[in-house]
Amino acid sequence: MADSIATTKMSSRGQVVIPEAIRKRLSLEAGTKFVVIGQDDVVMLKLISSPSIREYDELKRRLRKQAGLAGLKRTDIGKAIKKVRGKGN
């Protein structure tokens, strides 16, 4: 846990440096994207990462199940896209 705690400061441009030990431990590279969450006096960075194929397949399975329970059909998808794009009823 000790290598998970470090201090840093914010620059005048709002930039914060993630200390090197943490960058190395988490394999963070330039361009890594984060979600920034702020509440009260806490600021949290959460890595944005693509789901693994297994996670994607599980999500797809759950979504298909929910769509079936809601009575949606494959043809409803195209209709919904056209409606949102303003090209259909």
Protein backbone atom coordinates (compact mmCIF):
# COMPACT_ATOMS: atom_id res chain seq x y z
CA MET A 1 0.00 0.00 0.00
CA ALA A 2 2.87 2.40 0.71
CA ASP A 3 3.79 2.57 -2.96
CA SER A 4 0.18 3.59 -3.71
CA ILE A 5 0.43 6.86 -1.78
CA ALA A 6 2.32 9.91 -2.96
CA THR A 7 1.94 13.66 -3.01
CA THR A 8 1.76 16.01 -5.95
CA LYS A 9 0.55 19.53 -6.66
CA MET A 10 -1.48 21.26 -9.31
CA SER A 11 0.21 23.70 -11.70
CA SER A 12 -1.17 27.13 -12.55
CA ARG A 13 -2.65 25.52 -15.69
CA GLY A 14 -4.57 22.90 -13.67
CA GLN A 15 -2.19 20.06 -14.50
CA VAL A 16 -1.31 17.38 -11.95
CA VAL A 17 1.68 15.05 -12.27
CA ILE A 18 1.13 11.42 -11.32
CA PRO A 19 4.28 10.40 -9.44
CA GLU A 20 6.66 8.12 -11.32
CA ALA A 21 6.40 5.17 -8.91
CA ILE A 22 2.63 5.05 -9.40
CA ARG A 23 2.91 5.49 -13.18
CA LYS A 24 5.32 2.57 -13.37
CA ARG A 25 3.32 0.30 -11.04
CA LEU A 26 0.13 0.91 -13.06
CA SER A 27 1.94 0.92 -16.44
CA LEU A 28 0.58 4.38 -17.26
CA GLU A 29 1.84 5.98 -20.45
CA ALA A 30 1.42 9.36 -22.11
CA GLY A 31 -2.08 9.60 -23.54
CA THR A 32 -3.68 7.36 -20.91
CA LYS A 33 -7.25 8.54 -20.38
CA PHE A 34 -9.05 8.94 -17.07
CA VAL A 35 -12.47 9.80 -15.75
CA VAL A 36 -12.09 12.54 -13.14
CA ILE A 37 -14.49 12.38 -10.21
CA GLY A 38 -14.72 15.18 -7.68
CA GLN A 39 -16.81 15.20 -4.54
CA ASP A 40 -16.32 17.32 -1.43
CA ASP A 41 -12.53 17.37 -0.88
CA VAL A 42 -11.82 14.20 -2.88
CA VAL A 43 -10.56 14.08 -6.48
CA MET A 44 -10.30 10.61 -7.98
CA LEU A 45 -8.85 9.47 -11.30
CA LYS A 46 -10.26 6.26 -12.77
CA LEU A 47 -8.58 4.67 -15.78
CA ILE A 48 -10.70 4.43 -18.89
CA SER A 49 -10.07 1.08 -20.51
CA SER A 50 -11.73 -0.98 -23.17
CA PRO A 51 -13.49 -4.10 -21.97
CA SER A 52 -11.87 -7.46 -22.62
CA ILE A 53 -13.51 -9.72 -25.20
CA ARG A 54 -14.94 -11.78 -22.32
CA GLU A 55 -16.41 -8.67 -20.66
CA TYR A 56 -17.78 -7.47 -24.00
CA ASP A 57 -19.42 -10.84 -24.69
CA GLU A 58 -20.99 -10.88 -21.21
CA LEU A 59 -22.29 -7.32 -21.64
CA LYS A 60 -23.71 -8.22 -25.07
CA ARG A 61 -25.43 -11.29 -23.61
CA ARG A 62 -26.99 -9.25 -20.79
CA LEU A 63 -28.14 -6.51 -23.18
CA ARG A 64 -29.75 -9.04 -25.52
CA LYS A 65 -31.54 -10.61 -22.57
CA GLN A 66 -32.84 -7.22 -21.39
CA ALA A 67 -33.92 -6.29 -24.93
CA GLY A 68 -35.82 -9.57 -25.20
CA LEU A 69 -37.52 -9.01 -21.86
CA ALA A 70 -38.51 -5.52 -23.04
CA GLY A 71 -39.99 -6.98 -26.24
CA LEU A 72 -37.48 -5.31 -28.58
CA LYS A 73 -36.72 -6.87 -31.95
CA ARG A 74 -33.70 -6.47 -34.21
CA THR A 75 -35.78 -4.38 -36.64
CA ASP A 76 -36.55 -1.90 -33.84
CA ILE A 77 -32.88 -0.84 -33.78
CA GLY A 78 -32.87 0.59 -37.31
CA LYS A 79 -36.15 2.37 -36.68
CA ALA A 80 -34.82 3.93 -33.47
CA ILE A 81 -31.64 5.14 -35.21
CA LYS A 82 -33.64 6.74 -38.03
CA LYS A 83 -35.95 8.42 -35.52
CA VAL A 84 -33.05 9.87 -33.51
CA ARG A 85 -31.40 11.11 -36.72
CA GLY A 86 -34.66 12.74 -37.74
CA LYS A 87 -35.18 10.56 -40.79
CA GLY A 88 -38.18 8.58 -39.72
CA ASN A 89 -41.22 8.38 -37.52
